[in-house]
Amino acid sequence: QVQLVESGGGLVQAGESLRLTCTASVSISRADPMGWYRRAPGKQRELVAGITPVGGTNYADSVKGRFIISRDNAKNTVYLEMNSLKPEYTAVYYCAARPPLSPTTFWGQGTQVTVSS
């Protein structure tokens, strides 16, 4: 079992920034995929940003240029730096990781991000 714990969500105003943190109970240096997803009210869960074991990144078009995903393998932690936040980014943000050779993707409990206009 892999436990993922997210933190850093909150209520902010449009244009402000937040940094989300996801800490894993095991090494995530080779986890692939590993990334952040979100589920907005009334919408399906979507990928926000992903990062590969070698540091390659990909982003949803809606957050390109605003969000940065990074990882600290020594701390078993992945971050999501969110800048210039918009109200439409309001959602529950989830961290997800699949360990190498595992068919299972593990999910965190989610952290609420609310952006007011």
PDB file of N, CA and C in Angstrom:
ATOM      1  N   GLN A   1       0.832  -1.193   0.000  1.00  0.00           N
ATOM      2  CA  GLN A   1       0.000   0.000   0.000  1.00  0.00           C
ATOM      3  C   GLN A   1       0.870   1.249   0.000  1.00  0.00           C
ATOM      4  N   VAL A   2       0.414   2.214  -0.726  1.00  0.00           N
ATOM      5  CA  VAL A   2       1.090   3.511  -0.776  1.00  0.00           C
ATOM      6  C   VAL A   2       0.121   4.555  -0.248  1.00  0.00           C
ATOM      7  N   GLN A   3       0.559   5.333   0.684  1.00  0.00           N
ATOM      8  CA  GLN A   3      -0.265   6.426   1.195  1.00  0.00           C
ATOM      9  C   GLN A   3       0.259   7.745   0.667  1.00  0.00           C
ATOM     10  N   LEU A   4      -0.651   8.552   0.184  1.00  0.00           N
ATOM     11  CA  LEU A   4      -0.331   9.874  -0.321  1.00  0.00           C
ATOM     12  C   LEU A   4      -1.109  10.897   0.492  1.00  0.00           C
ATOM     13  N   VAL A   5      -0.412  11.877   1.000  1.00  0.00           N
ATOM     14  CA  VAL A   5      -1.052  12.896   1.826  1.00  0.00           C
ATOM     15  C   VAL A   5      -0.821  14.258   1.194  1.00  0.00           C
ATOM     16  N   GLU A   6      -1.922  14.915   0.810  1.00  0.00           N
ATOM     17  CA  GLU A   6      -1.838  16.240   0.218  1.00  0.00           C
ATOM     18  C   GLU A   6      -2.037  17.304   1.291  1.00  0.00           C
ATOM     19  N   SER A   7      -1.460  18.447   1.042  1.00  0.00           N
ATOM     20  CA  SER A   7      -1.672  19.603   1.904  1.00  0.00           C
ATOM     21  C   SER A   7      -1.431  20.864   1.091  1.00  0.00           C
ATOM     22  N   GLY A   8      -1.835  21.984   1.658  1.00  0.00           N
ATOM     23  CA  GLY A   8      -1.554  23.259   1.018  1.00  0.00           C
ATOM     24  C   GLY A   8      -2.742  23.943   0.377  1.00  0.00           C
ATOM     25  N   GLY A   9      -3.882  23.265   0.338  1.00  0.00           N
ATOM     26  CA  GLY A   9      -5.049  23.902  -0.239  1.00  0.00           C
ATOM     27  C   GLY A   9      -5.581  25.001   0.667  1.00  0.00           C
ATOM     28  N   GLY A  10      -6.558  25.720   0.153  1.00  0.00           N
ATOM     29  CA  GLY A  10      -7.146  26.779   0.948  1.00  0.00           C
ATOM     30  C   GLY A  10      -7.996  27.701   0.109  1.00  0.00           C
ATOM     31  N   LEU A  11      -8.379  28.807   0.713  1.00  0.00           N
ATOM     32  CA  LEU A  11      -9.191  29.831   0.058  1.00  0.00           C
ATOM     33  C   LEU A  11      -8.311  31.028  -0.253  1.00  0.00           C
ATOM     34  N   VAL A  12      -8.268  31.380  -1.522  1.00  0.00           N
ATOM     35  CA  VAL A  12      -7.462  32.520  -1.945  1.00  0.00           C
ATOM     36  C   VAL A  12      -8.269  33.373  -2.918  1.00  0.00           C
ATOM     37  N   GLN A  13      -7.774  34.548  -3.176  1.00  0.00           N
ATOM     38  CA  GLN A  13      -8.409  35.415  -4.157  1.00  0.00           C
ATOM     39  C   GLN A  13      -7.770  35.210  -5.523  1.00  0.00           C
ATOM     40  N   ALA A  14      -8.520  35.548  -6.531  1.00  0.00           N
ATOM     41  CA  ALA A  14      -8.005  35.439  -7.893  1.00  0.00           C
ATOM     42  C   ALA A  14      -6.692  36.216  -8.022  1.00  0.00           C
ATOM     43  N   GLY A  15      -5.739  35.603  -8.715  1.00  0.00           N
ATOM     44  CA  GLY A  15      -4.443  36.226  -8.907  1.00  0.00           C
ATOM     45  C   GLY A  15      -3.397  35.812  -7.887  1.00  0.00           C
ATOM     46  N   GLU A  16      -3.841  35.221  -6.800  1.00  0.00           N
ATOM     47  CA  GLU A  16      -2.904  34.786  -5.764  1.00  0.00           C
ATOM     48  C   GLU A  16      -2.317  33.415  -6.093  1.00  0.00           C
ATOM     49  N   SER A  17      -1.444  32.957  -5.212  1.00  0.00           N
ATOM     50  CA  SER A  17      -0.736  31.700  -5.449  1.00  0.00           C
ATOM     51  C   SER A  17      -0.926  30.735  -4.281  1.00  0.00           C
ATOM     52  N   LEU A  18      -0.768  29.473  -4.588  1.00  0.00           N
ATOM     53  CA  LEU A  18      -0.752  28.414  -3.584  1.00  0.00           C
ATOM     54  C   LEU A  18       0.267  27.371  -4.002  1.00  0.00           C
ATOM     55  N   ARG A  19       0.797  26.662  -3.028  1.00  0.00           N
ATOM     56  CA  ARG A  19       1.651  25.521  -3.327  1.00  0.00           C
ATOM     57  C   ARG A  19       1.087  24.289  -2.638  1.00  0.00           C
ATOM     58  N   LEU A  20       0.768  23.308  -3.432  1.00  0.00           N
ATOM     59  CA  LEU A  20       0.285  22.040  -2.906  1.00  0.00           C
ATOM     60  C   LEU A  20       1.461  21.080  -2.721  1.00  0.00           C
ATOM     61  N   THR A  21       1.360  20.277  -1.685  1.00  0.00           N
ATOM     62  CA  THR A  21       2.397  19.295  -1.381  1.00  0.00           C
ATOM     63  C   THR A  21       1.764  17.917  -1.268  1.00  0.00           C
ATOM     64  N   CYS A  22       2.427  16.940  -1.839  1.00  0.00           N
ATOM     65  CA  CYS A  22       1.991  15.545  -1.747  1.00  0.00           C
ATOM     66  C   CYS A  22       3.169  14.729  -1.244  1.00  0.00           C
ATOM     67  N   THR A  23       3.001  14.142  -0.076  1.00  0.00           N
ATOM     68  CA  THR A  23       4.060  13.329   0.508  1.00  0.00           C
ATOM     69  C   THR A  23       3.635  11.869   0.507  1.00  0.00           C
ATOM     70  N   ALA A  24       4.520  11.011  -0.009  1.00  0.00           N
ATOM     71  CA  ALA A  24       4.225   9.592  -0.129  1.00  0.00           C
ATOM     72  C   ALA A  24       4.865   8.805   1.011  1.00  0.00           C
ATOM     73  N   SER A  25       4.256   7.660   1.316  1.00  0.00           N
ATOM     74  CA  SER A  25       4.764   6.819   2.399  1.00  0.00           C
ATOM     75  C   SER A  25       5.922   5.937   1.935  1.00  0.00           C
ATOM     76  N   VAL A  26       6.139   5.903   0.608  1.00  0.00           N
ATOM     77  CA  VAL A  26       7.237   5.120   0.052  1.00  0.00           C
ATOM     78  C   VAL A  26       7.968   5.975  -0.971  1.00  0.00           C
ATOM     79  N   SER A  27       9.073   5.461  -1.448  1.00  0.00           N
ATOM     80  CA  SER A  27       9.816   6.189  -2.466  1.00  0.00           C
ATOM     81  C   SER A  27       8.980   6.369  -3.723  1.00  0.00           C
ATOM     82  N   ILE A  28       9.025   7.559  -4.264  1.00  0.00           N
ATOM     83  CA  ILE A  28       8.282   7.841  -5.500  1.00  0.00           C
ATOM     84  C   ILE A  28       9.214   8.200  -6.637  1.00  0.00           C
ATOM     85  N   SER A  29      10.500   7.894  -6.453  1.00  0.00           N
ATOM     86  CA  SER A  29      11.463   8.305  -7.461  1.00  0.00           C
ATOM     87  C   SER A  29      11.196   7.663  -8.816  1.00  0.00           C
ATOM     88  N   ARG A  30      10.586   6.472  -8.816  1.00  0.00           N
ATOM     89  CA  ARG A  30      10.321   5.796 -10.081  1.00  0.00           C
ATOM     90  C   ARG A  30       8.822   5.672 -10.359  1.00  0.00           C
ATOM     91  N   ALA A  31       8.009   6.343  -9.577  1.00  0.00           N
ATOM     92  CA  ALA A  31       6.564   6.278  -9.802  1.00  0.00           C
ATOM     93  C   ALA A  31       6.212   6.915 -11.145  1.00  0.00           C
ATOM     94  N   ASP A  32       5.407   6.209 -11.907  1.00  0.00           N
ATOM     95  CA  ASP A  32       5.018   6.705 -13.223  1.00  0.00           C
ATOM     96  C   ASP A  32       3.724   6.044 -13.641  1.00  0.00           C
ATOM     97  N   PRO A  33       2.624   6.718 -13.783  1.00  0.00           N
ATOM     98  CA  PRO A  33       2.594   8.177 -13.728  1.00  0.00           C
ATOM     99  C   PRO A  33       2.562   8.713 -12.296  1.00  0.00           C
ATOM    100  N   MET A  34       2.924   9.968 -12.192  1.00  0.00           N
ATOM    101  CA  MET A  34       2.794  10.673 -10.926  1.00  0.00           C
ATOM    102  C   MET A  34       2.339  12.073 -11.254  1.00  0.00           C
ATOM    103  N   GLY A  35       1.318  12.530 -10.555  1.00  0.00           N
ATOM    104  CA  GLY A  35       0.847  13.857 -10.898  1.00  0.00           C
ATOM    105  C   GLY A  35      -0.286  14.345 -10.037  1.00  0.00           C
ATOM    106  N   TRP A  36      -0.836  15.452 -10.460  1.00  0.00           N
ATOM    107  CA  TRP A  36      -1.939  16.115  -9.783  1.00  0.00           C
ATOM    108  C   TRP A  36      -3.161  16.118 -10.694  1.00  0.00           C
ATOM    109  N   TYR A  37      -4.281  15.813 -10.100  1.00  0.00           N
ATOM    110  CA  TYR A  37      -5.565  15.843 -10.787  1.00  0.00           C
ATOM    111  C   TYR A  37      -6.498  16.745  -9.991  1.00  0.00           C
ATOM    112  N   ARG A  38      -7.597  17.111 -10.607  1.00  0.00           N
ATOM    113  CA  ARG A  38      -8.591  17.892  -9.879  1.00  0.00           C
ATOM    114  C   ARG A  38      -9.985  17.518 -10.338  1.00  0.00           C
ATOM    115  N   ARG A  39     -10.922  17.726  -9.424  1.00  0.00           N
ATOM    116  CA  ARG A  39     -12.332  17.521  -9.746  1.00  0.00           C
ATOM    117  C   ARG A  39     -13.087  18.748  -9.285  1.00  0.00           C
ATOM    118  N   ALA A  40     -13.603  19.474 -10.252  1.00  0.00           N
ATOM    119  CA  ALA A  40     -14.409  20.650  -9.951  1.00  0.00           C
ATOM    120  C   ALA A  40     -15.856  20.215  -9.751  1.00  0.00           C
ATOM    121  N   PRO A  41     -16.645  21.001  -9.046  1.00  0.00           N
ATOM    122  CA  PRO A  41     -18.054  20.656  -8.824  1.00  0.00           C
ATOM    123  C   PRO A  41     -18.785  20.403 -10.143  1.00  0.00           C
ATOM    124  N   GLY A  42     -19.422  19.248 -10.233  1.00  0.00           N
ATOM    125  CA  GLY A  42     -20.194  18.928 -11.424  1.00  0.00           C
ATOM    126  C   GLY A  42     -19.393  18.495 -12.626  1.00  0.00           C
ATOM    127  N   LYS A  43     -18.091  18.327 -12.448  1.00  0.00           N
ATOM    128  CA  LYS A  43     -17.248  17.956 -13.579  1.00  0.00           C
ATOM    129  C   LYS A  43     -16.482  16.674 -13.281  1.00  0.00           C
ATOM    130  N   GLN A  44     -15.943  16.090 -14.330  1.00  0.00           N
ATOM    131  CA  GLN A  44     -15.140  14.890 -14.149  1.00  0.00           C
ATOM    132  C   GLN A  44     -13.730  15.248 -13.708  1.00  0.00           C
ATOM    133  N   ARG A  45     -13.092  14.276 -13.097  1.00  0.00           N
ATOM    134  CA  ARG A  45     -11.707  14.485 -12.697  1.00  0.00           C
ATOM    135  C   ARG A  45     -10.832  14.638 -13.931  1.00  0.00           C
ATOM    136  N   GLU A  46      -9.868  15.547 -13.856  1.00  0.00           N
ATOM    137  CA  GLU A  46      -8.989  15.779 -14.990  1.00  0.00           C
ATOM    138  C   GLU A  46      -7.552  15.897 -14.510  1.00  0.00           C
ATOM    139  N   LEU A  47      -6.649  15.554 -15.426  1.00  0.00           N
ATOM    140  CA  LEU A  47      -5.232  15.705 -15.143  1.00  0.00           C
ATOM    141  C   LEU A  47      -4.866  17.179 -15.175  1.00  0.00           C
ATOM    142  N   VAL A  48      -4.152  17.628 -14.167  1.00  0.00           N
ATOM    143  CA  VAL A  48      -3.665  19.003 -14.118  1.00  0.00           C
ATOM    144  C   VAL A  48      -2.205  19.059 -14.549  1.00  0.00           C
ATOM    145  N   ALA A  49      -1.389  18.202 -13.956  1.00  0.00           N
ATOM    146  CA  ALA A  49       0.034  18.186 -14.273  1.00  0.00           C
ATOM    147  C   ALA A  49       0.607  16.829 -13.912  1.00  0.00           C
ATOM    148  N   GLY A  50       1.553  16.380 -14.725  1.00  0.00           N
ATOM    149  CA  GLY A  50       2.221  15.115 -14.466  1.00  0.00           C
ATOM    150  C   GLY A  50       3.718  15.284 -14.555  1.00  0.00           C
ATOM    151  N   ILE A  51       4.440  14.388 -13.887  1.00  0.00           N
ATOM    152  CA  ILE A  51       5.895  14.433 -13.920  1.00  0.00           C
ATOM    153  C   ILE A  51       6.424  13.005 -13.986  1.00  0.00           C
ATOM    154  N   THR A  52       7.400  12.788 -14.862  1.00  0.00           N
ATOM    155  CA  THR A  52       7.963  11.459 -15.060  1.00  0.00           C
ATOM    156  C   THR A  52       9.146  11.242 -14.111  1.00  0.00           C
ATOM    157  N   PRO A  53       9.609  10.001 -14.021  1.00  0.00           N
ATOM    158  CA  PRO A  53      10.764   9.733 -13.140  1.00  0.00           C
ATOM    159  C   PRO A  53      12.009  10.529 -13.513  1.00  0.00           C
ATOM    160  N   VAL A  54      12.140  10.912 -14.768  1.00  0.00           N
ATOM    161  CA  VAL A  54      13.328  11.671 -15.170  1.00  0.00           C
ATOM    162  C   VAL A  54      13.062  13.172 -15.207  1.00  0.00           C
ATOM    163  N   GLY A  55      11.894  13.563 -14.724  1.00  0.00           N
ATOM    164  CA  GLY A  55      11.615  14.989 -14.590  1.00  0.00           C
ATOM    165  C   GLY A  55      10.851  15.629 -15.736  1.00  0.00           C
ATOM    166  N   GLY A  56      10.452  14.834 -16.705  1.00  0.00           N
ATOM    167  CA  GLY A  56       9.628  15.384 -17.767  1.00  0.00           C
ATOM    168  C   GLY A  56       8.265  15.779 -17.225  1.00  0.00           C
ATOM    169  N   THR A  57       7.710  16.863 -17.753  1.00  0.00           N
ATOM    170  CA  THR A  57       6.435  17.349 -17.236  1.00  0.00           C
ATOM    171  C   THR A  57       5.426  17.554 -18.352  1.00  0.00           C
ATOM    172  N   ASN A  58       4.167  17.490 -17.991  1.00  0.00           N
ATOM    173  CA  ASN A  58       3.097  17.836 -18.923  1.00  0.00           C
ATOM    174  C   ASN A  58       1.990  18.502 -18.124  1.00  0.00           C
ATOM    175  N   TYR A  59       1.269  19.396 -18.801  1.00  0.00           N
ATOM    176  CA  TYR A  59       0.250  20.198 -18.133  1.00  0.00           C
ATOM    177  C   TYR A  59      -1.030  20.251 -18.956  1.00  0.00           C
ATOM    178  N   ALA A  60      -2.126  20.415 -18.259  1.00  0.00           N
ATOM    179  CA  ALA A  60      -3.372  20.714 -18.946  1.00  0.00           C
ATOM    180  C   ALA A  60      -3.233  22.081 -19.605  1.00  0.00           C
ATOM    181  N   ASP A  61      -3.841  22.248 -20.757  1.00  0.00           N
ATOM    182  CA  ASP A  61      -3.726  23.521 -21.473  1.00  0.00           C
ATOM    183  C   ASP A  61      -4.181  24.695 -20.606  1.00  0.00           C
ATOM    184  N   SER A  62      -5.162  24.461 -19.767  1.00  0.00           N
ATOM    185  CA  SER A  62      -5.735  25.549 -18.979  1.00  0.00           C
ATOM    186  C   SER A  62      -4.790  26.085 -17.911  1.00  0.00           C
ATOM    187  N   VAL A  63      -3.729  25.336 -17.587  1.00  0.00           N
ATOM    188  CA  VAL A  63      -2.830  25.785 -16.522  1.00  0.00           C
ATOM    189  C   VAL A  63      -1.404  26.026 -17.008  1.00  0.00           C
ATOM    190  N   LYS A  64      -1.153  25.797 -18.277  1.00  0.00           N
ATOM    191  CA  LYS A  64       0.198  26.007 -18.807  1.00  0.00           C
ATOM    192  C   LYS A  64       0.627  27.450 -18.579  1.00  0.00           C
ATOM    193  N   GLY A  65       1.836  27.610 -18.098  1.00  0.00           N
ATOM    194  CA  GLY A  65       2.361  28.932 -17.830  1.00  0.00           C
ATOM    195  C   GLY A  65       1.998  29.466 -16.460  1.00  0.00           C
ATOM    196  N   ARG A  66       1.097  28.777 -15.771  1.00  0.00           N
ATOM    197  CA  ARG A  66       0.676  29.227 -14.428  1.00  0.00           C
ATOM    198  C   ARG A  66       1.102  28.245 -13.343  1.00  0.00           C
ATOM    199  N   PHE A  67       1.075  26.947 -13.657  1.00  0.00           N
ATOM    200  CA  PHE A  67       1.377  25.917 -12.671  1.00  0.00           C
ATOM    201  C   PHE A  67       2.742  25.289 -12.979  1.00  0.00           C
ATOM    202  N   ILE A  68       3.408  24.874 -11.921  1.00  0.00           N
ATOM    203  CA  ILE A  68       4.679  24.162 -12.057  1.00  0.00           C
ATOM    204  C   ILE A  68       4.661  22.950 -11.142  1.00  0.00           C
ATOM    205  N   ILE A  69       4.919  21.786 -11.730  1.00  0.00           N
ATOM    206  CA  ILE A  69       5.016  20.570 -10.935  1.00  0.00           C
ATOM    207  C   ILE A  69       6.481  20.214 -10.761  1.00  0.00           C
ATOM    208  N   SER A  70       6.820  19.768  -9.572  1.00  0.00           N
ATOM    209  CA  SER A  70       8.202  19.374  -9.309  1.00  0.00           C
ATOM    210  C   SER A  70       8.202  18.247  -8.281  1.00  0.00           C
ATOM    211  N   ARG A  71       9.341  17.605  -8.148  1.00  0.00           N
ATOM    212  CA  ARG A  71       9.428  16.500  -7.203  1.00  0.00           C
ATOM    213  C   ARG A  71      10.750  16.556  -6.451  1.00  0.00           C
ATOM    214  N   ASP A  72      10.715  16.094  -5.212  1.00  0.00           N
ATOM    215  CA  ASP A  72      11.912  15.960  -4.394  1.00  0.00           C
ATOM    216  C   ASP A  72      11.957  14.498  -3.965  1.00  0.00           C
ATOM    217  N   ASN A  73      12.716  13.707  -4.696  1.00  0.00           N
ATOM    218  CA  ASN A  73      12.727  12.266  -4.427  1.00  0.00           C
ATOM    219  C   ASN A  73      13.275  11.949  -3.040  1.00  0.00           C
ATOM    220  N   ALA A  74      14.185  12.753  -2.555  1.00  0.00           N
ATOM    221  CA  ALA A  74      14.759  12.500  -1.232  1.00  0.00           C
ATOM    222  C   ALA A  74      13.704  12.628  -0.133  1.00  0.00           C
ATOM    223  N   LYS A  75      12.689  13.436  -0.392  1.00  0.00           N
ATOM    224  CA  LYS A  75      11.622  13.653   0.577  1.00  0.00           C
ATOM    225  C   LYS A  75      10.338  12.919   0.206  1.00  0.00           C
ATOM    226  N   ASN A  76      10.380  12.130  -0.864  1.00  0.00           N
ATOM    227  CA  ASN A  76       9.175  11.423  -1.341  1.00  0.00           C
ATOM    228  C   ASN A  76       8.015  12.393  -1.536  1.00  0.00           C
ATOM    229  N   THR A  77       8.310  13.530  -2.121  1.00  0.00           N
ATOM    230  CA  THR A  77       7.328  14.609  -2.195  1.00  0.00           C
ATOM    231  C   THR A  77       7.226  15.170  -3.602  1.00  0.00           C
ATOM    232  N   VAL A  78       6.002  15.490  -3.980  1.00  0.00           N
ATOM    233  CA  VAL A  78       5.728  16.180  -5.236  1.00  0.00           C
ATOM    234  C   VAL A  78       4.990  17.474  -4.911  1.00  0.00           C
ATOM    235  N   TYR A  79       5.334  18.504  -5.622  1.00  0.00           N
ATOM    236  CA  TYR A  79       4.735  19.816  -5.377  1.00  0.00           C
ATOM    237  C   TYR A  79       3.968  20.287  -6.611  1.00  0.00           C
ATOM    238  N   LEU A  80       3.019  21.152  -6.367  1.00  0.00           N
ATOM    239  CA  LEU A  80       2.340  21.851  -7.445  1.00  0.00           C
ATOM    240  C   LEU A  80       2.273  23.319  -7.066  1.00  0.00           C
ATOM    241  N   GLU A  81       3.077  24.097  -7.740  1.00  0.00           N
ATOM    242  CA  GLU A  81       3.074  25.542  -7.541  1.00  0.00           C
ATOM    243  C   GLU A  81       2.020  26.127  -8.456  1.00  0.00           C
ATOM    244  N   MET A  82       1.050  26.808  -7.873  1.00  0.00           N
ATOM    245  CA  MET A  82      -0.063  27.355  -8.650  1.00  0.00           C
ATOM    246  C   MET A  82      -0.045  28.874  -8.537  1.00  0.00           C
ATOM    247  N   ASN A  83       0.126  29.527  -9.656  1.00  0.00           N
ATOM    248  CA  ASN A  83       0.225  30.977  -9.691  1.00  0.00           C
ATOM    249  C   ASN A  83      -0.918  31.587 -10.503  1.00  0.00           C
ATOM    250  N   SER A  84      -1.165  32.848 -10.250  1.00  0.00           N
ATOM    251  CA  SER A  84      -2.214  33.570 -10.991  1.00  0.00           C
ATOM    252  C   SER A  84      -3.507  32.752 -11.031  1.00  0.00           C
ATOM    253  N   LEU A  85      -3.948  32.386  -9.868  1.00  0.00           N
ATOM    254  CA  LEU A  85      -5.107  31.504  -9.785  1.00  0.00           C
ATOM    255  C   LEU A  85      -6.376  32.197 -10.279  1.00  0.00           C
ATOM    256  N   LYS A  86      -7.228  31.372 -10.896  1.00  0.00           N
ATOM    257  CA  LYS A  86      -8.506  31.847 -11.415  1.00  0.00           C
ATOM    258  C   LYS A  86      -9.650  31.148 -10.663  1.00  0.00           C
ATOM    259  N   PRO A  87     -10.814  31.779 -10.597  1.00  0.00           N
ATOM    260  CA  PRO A  87     -11.960  31.122  -9.936  1.00  0.00           C
ATOM    261  C   PRO A  87     -12.294  29.753 -10.544  1.00  0.00           C
ATOM    262  N   GLU A  88     -12.071  29.602 -11.846  1.00  0.00           N
ATOM    263  CA  GLU A  88     -12.387  28.319 -12.493  1.00  0.00           C
ATOM    264  C   GLU A  88     -11.441  27.195 -12.089  1.00  0.00           C
ATOM    265  N   TYR A  89     -10.405  27.525 -11.345  1.00  0.00           N
ATOM    266  CA  TYR A  89      -9.507  26.500 -10.820  1.00  0.00           C
ATOM    267  C   TYR A  89     -10.018  25.899  -9.510  1.00  0.00           C
ATOM    268  N   THR A  90     -11.115  26.420  -9.015  1.00  0.00           N
ATOM    269  CA  THR A  90     -11.685  25.883  -7.786  1.00  0.00           C
ATOM    270  C   THR A  90     -12.039  24.416  -7.962  1.00  0.00           C
ATOM    271  N   ALA A  91     -11.503  23.581  -7.083  1.00  0.00           N
ATOM    272  CA  ALA A  91     -11.704  22.134  -7.203  1.00  0.00           C
ATOM    273  C   ALA A  91     -11.044  21.447  -6.007  1.00  0.00           C
ATOM    274  N   VAL A  92     -11.290  20.160  -5.919  1.00  0.00           N
ATOM    275  CA  VAL A  92     -10.510  19.325  -5.016  1.00  0.00           C
ATOM    276  C   VAL A  92      -9.339  18.778  -5.826  1.00  0.00           C
ATOM    277  N   TYR A  93      -8.153  18.976  -5.324  1.00  0.00           N
ATOM    278  CA  TYR A  93      -6.942  18.549  -6.018  1.00  0.00           C
ATOM    279  C   TYR A  93      -6.419  17.266  -5.373  1.00  0.00           C
ATOM    280  N   TYR A  94      -6.115  16.300  -6.226  1.00  0.00           N
ATOM    281  CA  TYR A  94      -5.659  15.002  -5.777  1.00  0.00           C
ATOM    282  C   TYR A  94      -4.267  14.695  -6.323  1.00  0.00           C
ATOM    283  N   CYS A  95      -3.493  14.053  -5.495  1.00  0.00           N
ATOM    284  CA  CYS A  95      -2.204  13.533  -5.905  1.00  0.00           C
ATOM    285  C   CYS A  95      -2.383  12.064  -6.259  1.00  0.00           C
ATOM    286  N   ALA A  96      -1.688  11.609  -7.287  1.00  0.00           N
ATOM    287  CA  ALA A  96      -1.781  10.216  -7.704  1.00  0.00           C
ATOM    288  C   ALA A  96      -0.407   9.708  -8.080  1.00  0.00           C
ATOM    289  N   ALA A  97      -0.177   8.428  -7.799  1.00  0.00           N
ATOM    290  CA  ALA A  97       1.113   7.825  -8.127  1.00  0.00           C
ATOM    291  C   ALA A  97       0.945   6.331  -8.339  1.00  0.00           C
ATOM    292  N   ARG A  98       1.665   5.813  -9.329  1.00  0.00           N
ATOM    293  CA  ARG A  98       1.706   4.378  -9.548  1.00  0.00           C
ATOM    294  C   ARG A  98       3.141   3.915  -9.413  1.00  0.00           C
ATOM    295  N   PRO A  99       3.421   3.083  -8.406  1.00  0.00           N
ATOM    296  CA  PRO A  99       4.784   2.596  -8.226  1.00  0.00           C
ATOM    297  C   PRO A  99       5.210   1.725  -9.402  1.00  0.00           C
ATOM    298  N   PRO A 100       6.494   1.586  -9.644  1.00  0.00           N
ATOM    299  CA  PRO A 100       6.955   0.731 -10.737  1.00  0.00           C
ATOM    300  C   PRO A 100       6.482  -0.700 -10.543  1.00  0.00           C
ATOM    301  N   LEU A 101       6.117  -1.330 -11.619  1.00  0.00           N
ATOM    302  CA  LEU A 101       5.666  -2.733 -11.668  1.00  0.00           C
ATOM    303  C   LEU A 101       4.333  -2.951 -10.968  1.00  0.00           C
ATOM    304  N   SER A 102       3.674  -1.891 -10.564  1.00  0.00           N
ATOM    305  CA  SER A 102       2.379  -2.038  -9.910  1.00  0.00           C
ATOM    306  C   SER A 102       1.256  -1.710 -10.888  1.00  0.00           C
ATOM    307  N   PRO A 103       0.193  -2.518 -10.888  1.00  0.00           N
ATOM    308  CA  PRO A 103      -0.951  -2.199 -11.752  1.00  0.00           C
ATOM    309  C   PRO A 103      -1.883  -1.164 -11.118  1.00  0.00           C
ATOM    310  N   THR A 104      -1.582  -0.772  -9.906  1.00  0.00           N
ATOM    311  CA  THR A 104      -2.476   0.078  -9.133  1.00  0.00           C
ATOM    312  C   THR A 104      -1.957   1.506  -9.058  1.00  0.00           C
ATOM    313  N   THR A 105      -2.845   2.441  -9.324  1.00  0.00           N
ATOM    314  CA  THR A 105      -2.555   3.854  -9.082  1.00  0.00           C
ATOM    315  C   THR A 105      -3.158   4.234  -7.743  1.00  0.00           C
ATOM    316  N   PHE A 106      -2.358   4.811  -6.899  1.00  0.00           N
ATOM    317  CA  PHE A 106      -2.810   5.216  -5.578  1.00  0.00           C
ATOM    318  C   PHE A 106      -3.156   6.703  -5.577  1.00  0.00           C
ATOM    319  N   TRP A 107      -4.149   7.030  -4.757  1.00  0.00           N
ATOM    320  CA  TRP A 107      -4.653   8.403  -4.696  1.00  0.00           C
ATOM    321  C   TRP A 107      -4.615   8.931  -3.273  1.00  0.00           C
ATOM    322  N   GLY A 108      -4.394  10.223  -3.157  1.00  0.00           N
ATOM    323  CA  GLY A 108      -4.512  10.878  -1.876  1.00  0.00           C
ATOM    324  C   GLY A 108      -5.964  11.211  -1.587  1.00  0.00           C
ATOM    325  N   GLN A 109      -6.194  11.820  -0.432  1.00  0.00           N
ATOM    326  CA  GLN A 109      -7.559  12.123  -0.018  1.00  0.00           C
ATOM    327  C   GLN A 109      -8.072  13.420  -0.629  1.00  0.00           C
ATOM    328  N   GLY A 110      -7.186  14.192  -1.184  1.00  0.00           N
ATOM    329  CA  GLY A 110      -7.572  15.434  -1.838  1.00  0.00           C
ATOM    330  C   GLY A 110      -7.455  16.635  -0.914  1.00  0.00           C
ATOM    331  N   THR A 111      -7.224  17.774  -1.524  1.00  0.00           N
ATOM    332  CA  THR A 111      -7.177  19.029  -0.778  1.00  0.00           C
ATOM    333  C   THR A 111      -7.976  20.075  -1.559  1.00  0.00           C
ATOM    334  N   GLN A 112      -8.815  20.795  -0.846  1.00  0.00           N
ATOM    335  CA  GLN A 112      -9.713  21.756  -1.492  1.00  0.00           C
ATOM    336  C   GLN A 112      -8.978  23.048  -1.807  1.00  0.00           C
ATOM    337  N   VAL A 113      -9.138  23.491  -3.025  1.00  0.00           N
ATOM    338  CA  VAL A 113      -8.642  24.801  -3.453  1.00  0.00           C
ATOM    339  C   VAL A 113      -9.844  25.614  -3.896  1.00  0.00           C
ATOM    340  N   THR A 114     -10.028  26.758  -3.281  1.00  0.00           N
ATOM    341  CA  THR A 114     -11.127  27.641  -3.630  1.00  0.00           C
ATOM    342  C   THR A 114     -10.568  29.009  -3.981  1.00  0.00           C
ATOM    343  N   VAL A 115     -10.900  29.477  -5.167  1.00  0.00           N
ATOM    344  CA  VAL A 115     -10.415  30.760  -5.636  1.00  0.00           C
ATOM    345  C   VAL A 115     -11.611  31.695  -5.791  1.00  0.00           C
ATOM    346  N   SER A 116     -11.606  32.752  -5.040  1.00  0.00           N
ATOM    347  CA  SER A 116     -12.712  33.708  -5.107  1.00  0.00           C
ATOM    348  C   SER A 116     -12.380  34.829  -6.088  1.00  0.00           C
ATOM    349  N   SER A 117     -13.435  35.382  -6.678  1.00  0.00           N
ATOM    350  CA  SER A 117     -13.232  36.448  -7.671  1.00  0.00           C
ATOM    351  C   SER A 117     -13.218  37.816  -7.019  1.00  0.00           C
TER     352      SER A 117
END
